[in-house]
Amino acid sequence: MIIMLRDTKMTHKDPWTPEERMEKIVEKLDEEGYTYGKEYDFQIVPNITHITYGRDVGYTIEQEYLGEDVEVISATKIREQKVH
């Protein structure tokens, strides 16, 4: 599995680099018994915030629903708990 991390600028709401976020994820997954480089890896991807299109180019853009238990997760709230 590839975990994609957006390459975002650090702000007061998002105080960690992608590499720091990756380290935190590795720690948690290690605690759960997953092995970095064997069962999962990371890819830092550009911070794409908008997709625009014109004419009929042969693709669609759809929103995925991940279920209530995932949709309620707020990274901002998690970061606020860790920082304070």
N, C-alpha and C. Protein backbone atom coordinates (compact mmCIF):
# COMPACT_ATOMS: atom_id res chain seq x y z
N MET A 1 0.84 -1.16 0.00
CA MET A 1 0.00 0.00 0.00
C MET A 1 0.90 1.24 0.00
N ILE A 2 0.48 2.24 -0.73
CA ILE A 2 1.19 3.52 -0.77
C ILE A 2 0.35 4.54 -0.01
N ILE A 3 0.96 5.19 0.96
CA ILE A 3 0.31 6.29 1.69
C ILE A 3 0.82 7.58 1.06
N MET A 4 -0.11 8.39 0.55
CA MET A 4 0.29 9.64 -0.08
C MET A 4 0.12 10.79 0.90
N LEU A 5 1.18 11.58 1.04
CA LEU A 5 1.15 12.75 1.90
C LEU A 5 1.28 14.00 1.03
N ARG A 6 0.36 14.93 1.22
CA ARG A 6 0.40 16.17 0.44
C ARG A 6 1.56 17.04 0.91
N ASP A 7 2.27 17.62 -0.02
CA ASP A 7 3.40 18.50 0.27
C ASP A 7 2.86 19.91 0.53
N THR A 8 2.45 20.15 1.77
CA THR A 8 1.84 21.42 2.14
C THR A 8 2.83 22.29 2.90
N LYS A 9 2.57 23.59 2.88
CA LYS A 9 3.39 24.53 3.64
C LYS A 9 3.02 24.41 5.12
N MET A 10 4.02 24.64 5.96
CA MET A 10 3.77 24.60 7.40
C MET A 10 3.03 25.88 7.80
N THR A 11 2.02 25.73 8.64
CA THR A 11 1.25 26.86 9.17
C THR A 11 0.99 26.59 10.65
N HIS A 12 0.37 27.55 11.33
CA HIS A 12 0.03 27.31 12.73
C HIS A 12 -0.99 26.19 12.88
N LYS A 13 -1.83 25.97 11.87
CA LYS A 13 -2.79 24.87 11.90
C LYS A 13 -2.16 23.55 11.48
N ASP A 14 -1.08 23.60 10.73
CA ASP A 14 -0.41 22.40 10.22
C ASP A 14 1.10 22.59 10.43
N PRO A 15 1.59 22.36 11.67
CA PRO A 15 2.96 22.71 12.01
C PRO A 15 4.05 21.69 11.64
N TRP A 16 3.70 20.65 10.87
CA TRP A 16 4.67 19.60 10.58
C TRP A 16 4.93 19.47 9.09
N THR A 17 6.18 19.14 8.75
CA THR A 17 6.54 18.87 7.36
C THR A 17 5.99 17.50 6.97
N PRO A 18 5.95 17.21 5.67
CA PRO A 18 5.51 15.86 5.27
C PRO A 18 6.38 14.77 5.89
N GLU A 19 7.67 15.03 6.01
CA GLU A 19 8.57 14.04 6.60
C GLU A 19 8.26 13.81 8.09
N GLU A 20 7.92 14.88 8.80
CA GLU A 20 7.56 14.74 10.21
C GLU A 20 6.24 13.98 10.36
N ARG A 21 5.29 14.26 9.46
CA ARG A 21 4.03 13.53 9.48
C ARG A 21 4.27 12.05 9.20
N MET A 22 5.18 11.79 8.25
CA MET A 22 5.50 10.41 7.90
C MET A 22 6.07 9.68 9.12
N GLU A 23 6.97 10.33 9.86
CA GLU A 23 7.56 9.70 11.05
C GLU A 23 6.48 9.35 12.08
N LYS A 24 5.53 10.25 12.28
CA LYS A 24 4.45 10.00 13.24
C LYS A 24 3.58 8.83 12.80
N ILE A 25 3.31 8.74 11.50
CA ILE A 25 2.50 7.64 10.98
C ILE A 25 3.25 6.32 11.12
N VAL A 26 4.56 6.33 10.82
CA VAL A 26 5.37 5.12 10.96
C VAL A 26 5.34 4.63 12.41
N GLU A 27 5.47 5.55 13.36
CA GLU A 27 5.44 5.17 14.78
C GLU A 27 4.13 4.47 15.13
N LYS A 28 3.00 5.06 14.73
CA LYS A 28 1.70 4.49 15.06
C LYS A 28 1.47 3.14 14.36
N LEU A 29 1.83 3.06 13.08
CA LEU A 29 1.64 1.79 12.37
C LEU A 29 2.56 0.71 12.92
N ASP A 30 3.77 1.09 13.35
CA ASP A 30 4.68 0.13 13.97
C ASP A 30 4.07 -0.44 15.25
N GLU A 31 3.43 0.44 16.03
CA GLU A 31 2.75 -0.01 17.25
C GLU A 31 1.65 -1.02 16.94
N GLU A 32 1.05 -0.91 15.76
CA GLU A 32 -0.03 -1.81 15.36
C GLU A 32 0.49 -3.05 14.64
N GLY A 33 1.81 -3.16 14.48
CA GLY A 33 2.40 -4.37 13.89
C GLY A 33 2.66 -4.31 12.40
N TYR A 34 2.56 -3.13 11.79
CA TYR A 34 2.82 -2.99 10.36
C TYR A 34 4.27 -2.59 10.13
N THR A 35 4.86 -3.07 9.03
CA THR A 35 6.27 -2.84 8.75
C THR A 35 6.42 -1.88 7.57
N TYR A 36 7.10 -0.75 7.84
CA TYR A 36 7.38 0.24 6.80
C TYR A 36 8.31 -0.37 5.75
N GLY A 37 8.00 -0.18 4.49
CA GLY A 37 8.81 -0.72 3.41
C GLY A 37 8.42 -2.13 3.01
N LYS A 38 7.62 -2.79 3.85
CA LYS A 38 7.16 -4.14 3.52
C LYS A 38 5.66 -4.13 3.23
N GLU A 39 4.88 -3.64 4.19
CA GLU A 39 3.42 -3.62 4.02
C GLU A 39 2.90 -2.27 3.53
N TYR A 40 3.72 -1.26 3.65
CA TYR A 40 3.32 0.06 3.17
C TYR A 40 4.55 0.91 2.89
N ASP A 41 4.35 1.95 2.11
CA ASP A 41 5.41 2.91 1.81
C ASP A 41 4.75 4.28 1.67
N PHE A 42 5.55 5.30 1.50
CA PHE A 42 5.05 6.66 1.39
C PHE A 42 5.43 7.29 0.07
N GLN A 43 4.60 8.20 -0.36
CA GLN A 43 4.92 9.04 -1.50
C GLN A 43 4.43 10.45 -1.17
N ILE A 44 5.33 11.41 -1.24
CA ILE A 44 4.95 12.81 -1.04
C ILE A 44 4.50 13.34 -2.38
N VAL A 45 3.28 13.87 -2.42
CA VAL A 45 2.68 14.31 -3.68
C VAL A 45 2.43 15.81 -3.63
N PRO A 46 2.36 16.46 -4.78
CA PRO A 46 2.07 17.90 -4.81
C PRO A 46 0.73 18.20 -4.13
N ASN A 47 0.64 19.39 -3.58
CA ASN A 47 -0.59 19.81 -2.91
C ASN A 47 -1.59 20.32 -3.94
N ILE A 48 -2.30 19.40 -4.56
CA ILE A 48 -3.30 19.77 -5.57
C ILE A 48 -4.57 20.16 -4.84
N THR A 49 -5.01 21.39 -5.06
CA THR A 49 -6.20 21.87 -4.37
C THR A 49 -7.38 22.09 -5.29
N HIS A 50 -7.14 22.18 -6.60
CA HIS A 50 -8.23 22.39 -7.55
C HIS A 50 -7.99 21.56 -8.80
N ILE A 51 -9.06 21.02 -9.34
CA ILE A 51 -9.00 20.34 -10.63
C ILE A 51 -10.03 21.02 -11.51
N THR A 52 -9.58 21.54 -12.62
CA THR A 52 -10.51 22.18 -13.54
C THR A 52 -10.42 21.47 -14.90
N TYR A 53 -11.47 21.58 -15.66
CA TYR A 53 -11.46 20.93 -16.96
C TYR A 53 -12.42 21.65 -17.88
N GLY A 54 -12.21 21.45 -19.15
CA GLY A 54 -13.08 22.01 -20.17
C GLY A 54 -13.29 20.99 -21.27
N ARG A 55 -14.32 21.17 -22.01
CA ARG A 55 -14.69 20.25 -23.08
C ARG A 55 -14.89 18.84 -22.55
N ASP A 56 -15.11 17.89 -23.39
CA ASP A 56 -15.29 16.50 -23.00
C ASP A 56 -13.95 15.79 -23.16
N VAL A 57 -13.17 15.75 -22.06
CA VAL A 57 -11.81 15.21 -22.15
C VAL A 57 -11.72 13.72 -21.80
N GLY A 58 -12.84 13.10 -21.47
CA GLY A 58 -12.82 11.66 -21.27
C GLY A 58 -12.59 11.19 -19.84
N TYR A 59 -12.76 12.05 -18.86
CA TYR A 59 -12.66 11.61 -17.48
C TYR A 59 -13.67 12.36 -16.63
N THR A 60 -13.92 11.81 -15.44
CA THR A 60 -14.83 12.46 -14.52
C THR A 60 -14.12 12.68 -13.19
N ILE A 61 -14.66 13.57 -12.39
CA ILE A 61 -14.15 13.83 -11.05
C ILE A 61 -15.28 13.46 -10.09
N GLU A 62 -14.99 12.55 -9.17
CA GLU A 62 -16.01 12.09 -8.23
C GLU A 62 -15.50 12.22 -6.81
N GLN A 63 -16.40 12.48 -5.88
CA GLN A 63 -16.06 12.50 -4.47
C GLN A 63 -16.30 11.12 -3.90
N GLU A 64 -15.37 10.61 -3.13
CA GLU A 64 -15.51 9.31 -2.49
C GLU A 64 -16.04 9.49 -1.08
N TYR A 65 -16.97 8.65 -0.66
CA TYR A 65 -17.47 8.63 0.70
C TYR A 65 -16.80 7.46 1.41
N LEU A 66 -16.10 7.74 2.51
CA LEU A 66 -15.29 6.72 3.18
C LEU A 66 -15.97 6.12 4.41
N GLY A 67 -17.20 6.50 4.67
CA GLY A 67 -17.89 5.97 5.84
C GLY A 67 -17.80 6.94 7.01
N GLU A 68 -18.82 6.93 7.85
CA GLU A 68 -18.92 7.89 8.95
C GLU A 68 -17.71 7.83 9.88
N ASP A 69 -17.21 6.62 10.19
CA ASP A 69 -16.08 6.51 11.12
C ASP A 69 -14.81 7.15 10.59
N VAL A 70 -14.64 7.23 9.28
CA VAL A 70 -13.47 7.89 8.68
C VAL A 70 -13.77 9.36 8.40
N GLU A 71 -14.98 9.66 7.94
CA GLU A 71 -15.34 11.03 7.58
C GLU A 71 -15.26 11.99 8.77
N VAL A 72 -15.45 11.51 9.99
CA VAL A 72 -15.43 12.39 11.17
C VAL A 72 -14.01 12.70 11.65
N ILE A 73 -13.01 12.03 11.11
CA ILE A 73 -11.63 12.27 11.52
C ILE A 73 -11.21 13.67 11.09
N SER A 74 -10.65 14.42 12.02
CA SER A 74 -10.17 15.78 11.74
C SER A 74 -8.70 15.87 12.11
N ALA A 75 -7.84 15.98 11.10
CA ALA A 75 -6.40 16.12 11.37
C ALA A 75 -6.12 17.39 12.14
N THR A 76 -6.90 18.45 11.89
CA THR A 76 -6.72 19.70 12.64
C THR A 76 -6.95 19.46 14.12
N LYS A 77 -8.01 18.74 14.47
CA LYS A 77 -8.29 18.46 15.88
C LYS A 77 -7.21 17.59 16.50
N ILE A 78 -6.71 16.62 15.76
CA ILE A 78 -5.65 15.75 16.26
C ILE A 78 -4.39 16.57 16.52
N ARG A 79 -4.03 17.46 15.58
CA ARG A 79 -2.84 18.31 15.76
C ARG A 79 -3.02 19.24 16.97
N GLU A 80 -4.21 19.81 17.12
CA GLU A 80 -4.46 20.70 18.26
C GLU A 80 -4.27 19.97 19.58
N GLN A 81 -4.68 18.72 19.66
CA GLN A 81 -4.50 17.93 20.88
C GLN A 81 -3.03 17.66 21.14
N LYS A 82 -2.23 17.45 20.09
CA LYS A 82 -0.81 17.14 20.25
C LYS A 82 -0.01 18.39 20.61
N VAL A 83 -0.40 19.55 20.08
CA VAL A 83 0.36 20.79 20.29
C VAL A 83 0.08 21.38 21.66
N HIS A 84 -1.15 21.25 22.13
CA HIS A 84 -1.54 21.90 23.40
C HIS A 84 -1.29 21.02 24.54
